[in-house]
PDB file of all heavy atoms in Angstrom:
ATOM      1  N   GLY A   1      44.768  18.691 -65.334  1.00  0.00           N
ATOM      2  CA  GLY A   1      43.726  19.782 -65.485  1.00  0.00           C
ATOM      3  C   GLY A   1      42.379  19.299 -64.988  1.00  0.00           C
ATOM      4  O   GLY A   1      41.666  20.038 -64.308  1.00  0.00           O
ATOM      5  N   ALA A   2      42.038  18.037 -65.244  1.00  0.00           N
ATOM      6  CA  ALA A   2      40.759  17.528 -64.773  1.00  0.00           C
ATOM      7  C   ALA A   2      40.671  17.513 -63.266  1.00  0.00           C
ATOM      8  O   ALA A   2      39.687  17.897 -62.639  1.00  0.00           O
ATOM      9  CB  ALA A   2      40.521  16.139 -65.292  1.00  0.00           C
ATOM     10  N   VAL A   3      41.771  17.090 -62.621  1.00  0.00           N
ATOM     11  CA  VAL A   3      41.832  17.072 -61.159  1.00  0.00           C
ATOM     12  C   VAL A   3      41.708  18.486 -60.572  1.00  0.00           C
ATOM     13  O   VAL A   3      41.047  18.729 -59.548  1.00  0.00           O
ATOM     14  CB  VAL A   3      43.089  16.385 -60.662  1.00  0.00           C
ATOM     15  CG1 VAL A   3      43.273  16.553 -59.150  1.00  0.00           C
ATOM     16  CG2 VAL A   3      43.114  14.904 -61.003  1.00  0.00           C
ATOM     17  N   CYS A   4      42.389  19.466 -61.263  1.00  0.00           N
ATOM     18  CA  CYS A   4      42.360  20.815 -60.724  1.00  0.00           C
ATOM     19  C   CYS A   4      40.972  21.433 -60.840  1.00  0.00           C
ATOM     20  O   CYS A   4      40.474  22.114 -59.944  1.00  0.00           O
ATOM     21  CB  CYS A   4      43.363  21.730 -61.524  1.00  0.00           C
ATOM     22  SG  CYS A   4      45.058  21.331 -61.169  1.00  0.00           S
ATOM     23  N   PHE A   5      40.268  21.157 -61.950  1.00  0.00           N
ATOM     24  CA  PHE A   5      38.959  21.742 -62.124  1.00  0.00           C
ATOM     25  C   PHE A   5      37.866  20.955 -61.469  1.00  0.00           C
ATOM     26  O   PHE A   5      36.862  21.484 -61.072  1.00  0.00           O
ATOM     27  CB  PHE A   5      38.672  21.892 -63.627  1.00  0.00           C
ATOM     28  CG  PHE A   5      39.365  23.061 -64.259  1.00  0.00           C
ATOM     29  CD1 PHE A   5      40.486  22.846 -65.014  1.00  0.00           C
ATOM     30  CD2 PHE A   5      38.918  24.325 -64.072  1.00  0.00           C
ATOM     31  CE1 PHE A   5      41.160  23.927 -65.633  1.00  0.00           C
ATOM     32  CE2 PHE A   5      39.571  25.423 -64.678  1.00  0.00           C
ATOM     33  CZ  PHE A   5      40.683  25.169 -65.463  1.00  0.00           C
ATOM     34  N   PHE A   6      37.997  19.684 -61.294  1.00  0.00           N
ATOM     35  CA  PHE A   6      36.966  18.804 -60.717  1.00  0.00           C
ATOM     36  C   PHE A   6      37.588  17.939 -59.655  1.00  0.00           C
ATOM     37  O   PHE A   6      37.807  16.716 -59.874  1.00  0.00           O
ATOM     38  CB  PHE A   6      36.344  17.922 -61.779  1.00  0.00           C
ATOM     39  CG  PHE A   6      35.746  18.694 -62.968  1.00  0.00           C
ATOM     40  CD1 PHE A   6      36.334  18.661 -64.186  1.00  0.00           C
ATOM     41  CD2 PHE A   6      34.661  19.512 -62.791  1.00  0.00           C
ATOM     42  CE1 PHE A   6      35.833  19.383 -65.242  1.00  0.00           C
ATOM     43  CE2 PHE A   6      34.146  20.254 -63.823  1.00  0.00           C
ATOM     44  CZ  PHE A   6      34.715  20.164 -65.069  1.00  0.00           C
ATOM     45  N   PRO A   7      37.952  18.497 -58.493  1.00  0.00           N
ATOM     46  CA  PRO A   7      38.577  17.699 -57.432  1.00  0.00           C
ATOM     47  C   PRO A   7      37.705  16.565 -56.999  1.00  0.00           C
ATOM     48  O   PRO A   7      36.492  16.620 -56.972  1.00  0.00           O
ATOM     49  CB  PRO A   7      38.725  18.735 -56.264  1.00  0.00           C
ATOM     50  CG  PRO A   7      38.600  20.093 -56.946  1.00  0.00           C
ATOM     51  CD  PRO A   7      37.692  19.876 -58.139  1.00  0.00           C
ATOM     52  N   LEU A   8      38.409  15.447 -56.656  1.00  0.00           N
ATOM     53  CA  LEU A   8      37.664  14.285 -56.226  1.00  0.00           C
ATOM     54  C   LEU A   8      36.868  14.508 -55.014  1.00  0.00           C
ATOM     55  O   LEU A   8      37.377  15.181 -54.054  1.00  0.00           O
ATOM     56  CB  LEU A   8      38.691  13.119 -55.955  1.00  0.00           C
ATOM     57  CG  LEU A   8      39.466  12.575 -57.180  1.00  0.00           C
ATOM     58  CD1 LEU A   8      40.450  11.541 -56.750  1.00  0.00           C
ATOM     59  CD2 LEU A   8      38.513  12.058 -58.203  1.00  0.00           C
ATOM     60  N   GLY A   9      35.626  14.028 -54.963  1.00  0.00           N
ATOM     61  CA  GLY A   9      34.814  14.174 -53.767  1.00  0.00           C
ATOM     62  C   GLY A   9      34.006  15.419 -53.686  1.00  0.00           C
ATOM     63  O   GLY A   9      33.239  15.641 -52.778  1.00  0.00           O
ATOM     64  N   ILE A  10      34.166  16.329 -54.621  1.00  0.00           N
ATOM     65  CA  ILE A  10      33.471  17.623 -54.658  1.00  0.00           C
ATOM     66  C   ILE A  10      32.429  17.556 -55.768  1.00  0.00           C
ATOM     67  O   ILE A  10      32.707  17.252 -56.899  1.00  0.00           O
ATOM     68  CB  ILE A  10      34.427  18.813 -54.868  1.00  0.00           C
ATOM     69  CG1 ILE A  10      35.499  18.797 -53.787  1.00  0.00           C
ATOM     70  CG2 ILE A  10      33.660  20.092 -54.930  1.00  0.00           C
ATOM     71  CD1 ILE A  10      34.950  18.979 -52.399  1.00  0.00           C
ATOM     72  N   THR A  11      31.179  17.920 -55.435  1.00  0.00           N
ATOM     73  CA  THR A  11      30.152  17.902 -56.447  1.00  0.00           C
ATOM     74  C   THR A  11      30.384  18.956 -57.513  1.00  0.00           C
ATOM     75  O   THR A  11      30.990  20.015 -57.232  1.00  0.00           O
ATOM     76  CB  THR A  11      28.805  18.184 -55.815  1.00  0.00           C
ATOM     77  OG1 THR A  11      27.821  18.168 -56.853  1.00  0.00           O
ATOM     78  CG2 THR A  11      28.661  19.522 -55.108  1.00  0.00           C
ATOM     79  N   THR A  12      30.022  18.722 -58.730  1.00  0.00           N
ATOM     80  CA  THR A  12      30.175  19.669 -59.817  1.00  0.00           C
ATOM     81  C   THR A  12      28.776  20.131 -60.312  1.00  0.00           C
ATOM     82  O   THR A  12      28.634  20.578 -61.430  1.00  0.00           O
ATOM     83  CB  THR A  12      30.920  19.039 -61.002  1.00  0.00           C
ATOM     84  OG1 THR A  12      30.228  17.924 -61.461  1.00  0.00           O
ATOM     85  CG2 THR A  12      32.307  18.645 -60.578  1.00  0.00           C
ATOM     86  N   ALA A  13      27.779  20.006 -59.464  1.00  0.00           N
ATOM     87  CA  ALA A  13      26.395  20.304 -59.856  1.00  0.00           C
ATOM     88  C   ALA A  13      25.993  21.753 -59.713  1.00  0.00           C
ATOM     89  O   ALA A  13      24.849  22.083 -59.688  1.00  0.00           O
ATOM     90  CB  ALA A  13      25.425  19.443 -59.055  1.00  0.00           C
ATOM     91  N   GLY A  14      27.022  22.676 -59.620  1.00  0.00           N
ATOM     92  CA  GLY A  14      26.730  24.045 -59.480  1.00  0.00           C
ATOM     93  C   GLY A  14      26.676  24.479 -58.035  1.00  0.00           C
ATOM     94  O   GLY A  14      27.034  23.706 -57.109  1.00  0.00           O
ATOM     95  N   LYS A  15      26.274  25.730 -57.766  1.00  0.00           N
ATOM     96  CA  LYS A  15      26.226  26.228 -56.412  1.00  0.00           C
ATOM     97  C   LYS A  15      25.256  25.364 -55.532  1.00  0.00           C
ATOM     98  O   LYS A  15      24.268  24.868 -56.024  1.00  0.00           O
ATOM     99  CB  LYS A  15      25.704  27.695 -56.427  1.00  0.00           C
ATOM    100  CG  LYS A  15      26.659  28.664 -57.119  1.00  0.00           C
ATOM    101  CD  LYS A  15      26.176  30.095 -56.869  1.00  0.00           C
ATOM    102  CE  LYS A  15      24.799  30.315 -57.438  1.00  0.00           C
ATOM    103  NZ  LYS A  15      24.381  31.726 -57.253  1.00  0.00           N
ATOM    104  N   VAL A  16      25.630  25.289 -54.267  1.00  0.00           N
ATOM    105  CA  VAL A  16      24.776  24.459 -53.357  1.00  0.00           C
ATOM    106  C   VAL A  16      23.366  25.005 -53.363  1.00  0.00           C
ATOM    107  O   VAL A  16      22.377  24.238 -53.360  1.00  0.00           O
ATOM    108  CB  VAL A  16      25.356  24.474 -51.982  1.00  0.00           C
ATOM    109  CG1 VAL A  16      24.492  23.698 -51.009  1.00  0.00           C
ATOM    110  CG2 VAL A  16      26.812  23.871 -51.957  1.00  0.00           C
ATOM    111  N   SER A  17      23.212  26.344 -53.308  1.00  0.00           N
ATOM    112  CA  SER A  17      21.848  26.917 -53.185  1.00  0.00           C
ATOM    113  C   SER A  17      20.981  26.598 -54.413  1.00  0.00           C
ATOM    114  O   SER A  17      19.789  26.591 -54.374  1.00  0.00           O
ATOM    115  CB  SER A  17      21.962  28.422 -53.076  1.00  0.00           C
ATOM    116  OG  SER A  17      22.650  29.026 -54.157  1.00  0.00           O
ATOM    117  N   ASP A  18      21.664  26.279 -55.592  1.00  0.00           N
ATOM    118  CA  ASP A  18      20.887  25.909 -56.771  1.00  0.00           C
ATOM    119  C   ASP A  18      20.274  24.557 -56.634  1.00  0.00           C
ATOM    120  O   ASP A  18      19.414  24.182 -57.421  1.00  0.00           O
ATOM    121  CB  ASP A  18      21.824  25.912 -57.998  1.00  0.00           C
ATOM    122  CG  ASP A  18      22.284  27.264 -58.393  1.00  0.00           C
ATOM    123  OD1 ASP A  18      21.643  28.259 -57.937  1.00  0.00           O
ATOM    124  OD2 ASP A  18      23.257  27.424 -59.136  1.00  0.00           O
ATOM    125  N   ARG A  19      20.683  23.789 -55.656  1.00  0.00           N
ATOM    126  CA  ARG A  19      20.158  22.422 -55.435  1.00  0.00           C
ATOM    127  C   ARG A  19      19.161  22.395 -54.251  1.00  0.00           C
ATOM    128  O   ARG A  19      18.806  21.342 -53.752  1.00  0.00           O
ATOM    129  CB  ARG A  19      21.313  21.464 -55.140  1.00  0.00           C
ATOM    130  CG  ARG A  19      22.263  21.361 -56.343  1.00  0.00           C
ATOM    131  CD  ARG A  19      23.671  20.954 -55.911  1.00  0.00           C
ATOM    132  NE  ARG A  19      23.715  19.690 -55.242  1.00  0.00           N
ATOM    133  CZ  ARG A  19      24.702  19.296 -54.437  1.00  0.00           C
ATOM    134  NH1 ARG A  19      25.727  20.100 -54.222  1.00  0.00           N
ATOM    135  NH2 ARG A  19      24.639  18.091 -53.865  1.00  0.00           N
ATOM    136  N   VAL A  20      18.750  23.575 -53.830  1.00  0.00           N
ATOM    137  CA  VAL A  20      17.807  23.732 -52.701  1.00  0.00           C
ATOM    138  C   VAL A  20      16.592  24.455 -53.193  1.00  0.00           C
ATOM    139  O   VAL A  20      16.646  25.359 -53.995  1.00  0.00           O
ATOM    140  CB  VAL A  20      18.506  24.516 -51.547  1.00  0.00           C
ATOM    141  CG1 VAL A  20      17.475  24.785 -50.435  1.00  0.00           C
ATOM    142  CG2 VAL A  20      19.698  23.727 -50.987  1.00  0.00           C
ATOM    143  N   TYR A  21      15.410  24.013 -52.701  1.00  0.00           N
ATOM    144  CA  TYR A  21      14.167  24.612 -53.132  1.00  0.00           C
ATOM    145  C   TYR A  21      13.747  25.695 -52.171  1.00  0.00           C
ATOM    146  O   TYR A  21      13.492  25.494 -50.994  1.00  0.00           O
ATOM    147  CB  TYR A  21      13.058  23.535 -53.167  1.00  0.00           C
ATOM    148  CG  TYR A  21      13.238  22.488 -54.221  1.00  0.00           C
ATOM    149  CD1 TYR A  21      14.063  21.380 -54.022  1.00  0.00           C
ATOM    150  CD2 TYR A  21      12.624  22.625 -55.443  1.00  0.00           C
ATOM    151  CE1 TYR A  21      14.268  20.418 -54.996  1.00  0.00           C
ATOM    152  CE2 TYR A  21      12.777  21.634 -56.455  1.00  0.00           C
ATOM    153  CZ  TYR A  21      13.625  20.548 -56.205  1.00  0.00           C
ATOM    154  OH  TYR A  21      13.814  19.606 -57.175  1.00  0.00           O
ATOM    155  N   TYR A  22      13.620  26.939 -52.691  1.00  0.00           N
ATOM    156  CA  TYR A  22      13.135  28.057 -51.929  1.00  0.00           C
ATOM    157  C   TYR A  22      11.684  28.443 -52.297  1.00  0.00           C
ATOM    158  O   TYR A  22      11.050  29.203 -51.578  1.00  0.00           O
ATOM    159  CB  TYR A  22      14.019  29.289 -52.154  1.00  0.00           C
ATOM    160  CG  TYR A  22      15.376  29.225 -51.452  1.00  0.00           C
ATOM    161  CD1 TYR A  22      16.442  28.493 -51.988  1.00  0.00           C
ATOM    162  CD2 TYR A  22      15.540  29.848 -50.226  1.00  0.00           C
ATOM    163  CE1 TYR A  22      17.618  28.394 -51.308  1.00  0.00           C
ATOM    164  CE2 TYR A  22      16.759  29.777 -49.560  1.00  0.00           C
ATOM    165  CZ  TYR A  22      17.801  29.028 -50.123  1.00  0.00           C
ATOM    166  OH  TYR A  22      19.006  28.944 -49.468  1.00  0.00           O
ATOM    167  N   SER A  23      11.204  27.972 -53.420  1.00  0.00           N
ATOM    168  CA  SER A  23       9.819  28.231 -53.834  1.00  0.00           C
ATOM    169  C   SER A  23       9.460  27.242 -54.945  1.00  0.00           C
ATOM    170  O   SER A  23      10.295  26.551 -55.447  1.00  0.00           O
ATOM    171  CB  SER A  23       9.697  29.683 -54.361  1.00  0.00           C
ATOM    172  OG  SER A  23      10.480  29.850 -55.485  1.00  0.00           O
ATOM    173  N   GLY A  24       8.151  27.270 -55.258  1.00  0.00           N
ATOM    174  CA  GLY A  24       7.696  26.388 -56.346  1.00  0.00           C
ATOM    175  C   GLY A  24       7.423  27.222 -57.595  1.00  0.00           C
ATOM    176  O   GLY A  24       7.863  28.351 -57.750  1.00  0.00           O
ATOM    177  N   SER A  25       6.704  26.619 -58.501  1.00  0.00           N
ATOM    178  CA  SER A  25       6.482  27.244 -59.832  1.00  0.00           C
ATOM    179  C   SER A  25       5.530  28.458 -59.665  1.00  0.00           C
ATOM    180  O   SER A  25       4.560  28.448 -58.922  1.00  0.00           O
ATOM    181  CB  SER A  25       5.787  26.257 -60.738  1.00  0.00           C
ATOM    182  OG  SER A  25       5.287  26.864 -61.900  1.00  0.00           O
ATOM    183  N   LYS A  26       5.918  29.550 -60.352  1.00  0.00           N
ATOM    184  CA  LYS A  26       5.087  30.748 -60.334  1.00  0.00           C
ATOM    185  C   LYS A  26       3.817  30.524 -61.122  1.00  0.00           C
ATOM    186  O   LYS A  26       2.847  31.313 -61.044  1.00  0.00           O
ATOM    187  CB  LYS A  26       5.876  31.911 -60.946  1.00  0.00           C
ATOM    188  CG  LYS A  26       7.143  32.227 -60.216  1.00  0.00           C
ATOM    189  CD  LYS A  26       6.903  32.635 -58.752  1.00  0.00           C
ATOM    190  CE  LYS A  26       8.202  33.026 -58.040  1.00  0.00           C
ATOM    191  NZ  LYS A  26       7.984  33.299 -56.609  1.00  0.00           N
ATOM    192  N   GLU A  27       3.757  29.462 -61.930  1.00  0.00           N
ATOM    193  CA  GLU A  27       2.573  29.205 -62.699  1.00  0.00           C
ATOM    194  C   GLU A  27       1.639  28.126 -62.065  1.00  0.00           C
ATOM    195  O   GLU A  27       0.594  27.777 -62.615  1.00  0.00           O
ATOM    196  CB  GLU A  27       2.950  28.716 -64.121  1.00  0.00           C
ATOM    197  CG  GLU A  27       3.521  29.745 -65.051  1.00  0.00           C
ATOM    198  CD  GLU A  27       4.939  30.145 -64.649  1.00  0.00           C
ATOM    199  OE1 GLU A  27       5.753  29.273 -64.376  1.00  0.00           O
ATOM    200  OE2 GLU A  27       5.242  31.371 -64.586  1.00  0.00           O
ATOM    201  N   SER A  28       2.022  27.658 -60.913  1.00  0.00           N
ATOM    202  CA  SER A  28       1.317  26.525 -60.283  1.00  0.00           C
ATOM    203  C   SER A  28      -0.054  26.947 -59.674  1.00  0.00           C
ATOM    204  O   SER A  28      -0.953  26.136 -59.573  1.00  0.00           O
ATOM    205  CB  SER A  28       2.164  25.904 -59.203  1.00  0.00           C
ATOM    206  OG  SER A  28       2.304  26.811 -58.083  1.00  0.00           O
ATOM    207  N   GLY A  29      -0.172  28.192 -59.294  1.00  0.00           N
ATOM    208  CA  GLY A  29      -1.385  28.665 -58.638  1.00  0.00           C
ATOM    209  C   GLY A  29      -1.481  28.165 -57.210  1.00  0.00           C
ATOM    210  O   GLY A  29      -2.550  28.234 -56.577  1.00  0.00           O
ATOM    211  N   ARG A  30      -0.351  27.618 -56.701  1.00  0.00           N
ATOM    212  CA  ARG A  30      -0.350  27.024 -55.356  1.00  0.00           C
ATOM    213  C   ARG A  30       0.601  27.742 -54.365  1.00  0.00           C
ATOM    214  O   ARG A  30       1.590  28.299 -54.842  1.00  0.00           O
ATOM    215  CB  ARG A  30       0.072  25.501 -55.444  1.00  0.00           C
ATOM    216  CG  ARG A  30      -0.897  24.684 -56.256  1.00  0.00           C
ATOM    217  CD  ARG A  30      -0.283  23.231 -56.447  1.00  0.00           C
ATOM    218  NE  ARG A  30      -1.128  22.396 -57.249  1.00  0.00           N
ATOM    219  CZ  ARG A  30      -2.089  21.617 -56.731  1.00  0.00           C
ATOM    220  NH1 ARG A  30      -2.292  21.586 -55.446  1.00  0.00           N
ATOM    221  NH2 ARG A  30      -2.827  20.879 -57.504  1.00  0.00           N
ATOM    222  N   VAL A  31       0.281  27.672 -53.111  1.00  0.00           N
ATOM    223  CA  VAL A  31       1.183  28.060 -52.069  1.00  0.00           C
ATOM    224  C   VAL A  31       1.197  26.951 -51.025  1.00  0.00           C
ATOM    225  O   VAL A  31       0.287  26.131 -51.003  1.00  0.00           O
ATOM    226  CB  VAL A  31       0.761  29.392 -51.388  1.00  0.00           C
ATOM    227  CG1 VAL A  31       0.836  30.567 -52.384  1.00  0.00           C
ATOM    228  CG2 VAL A  31      -0.620  29.259 -50.794  1.00  0.00           C
TER     229      VAL A  31
END
């Protein structure tokens, strides 16, 4: 079961896009 759900060599950190920065904090006051 563990191998099926978490194949070796594959990240389990969520979607790839969730690990990429598209913007900063909305409270930062910065651009």
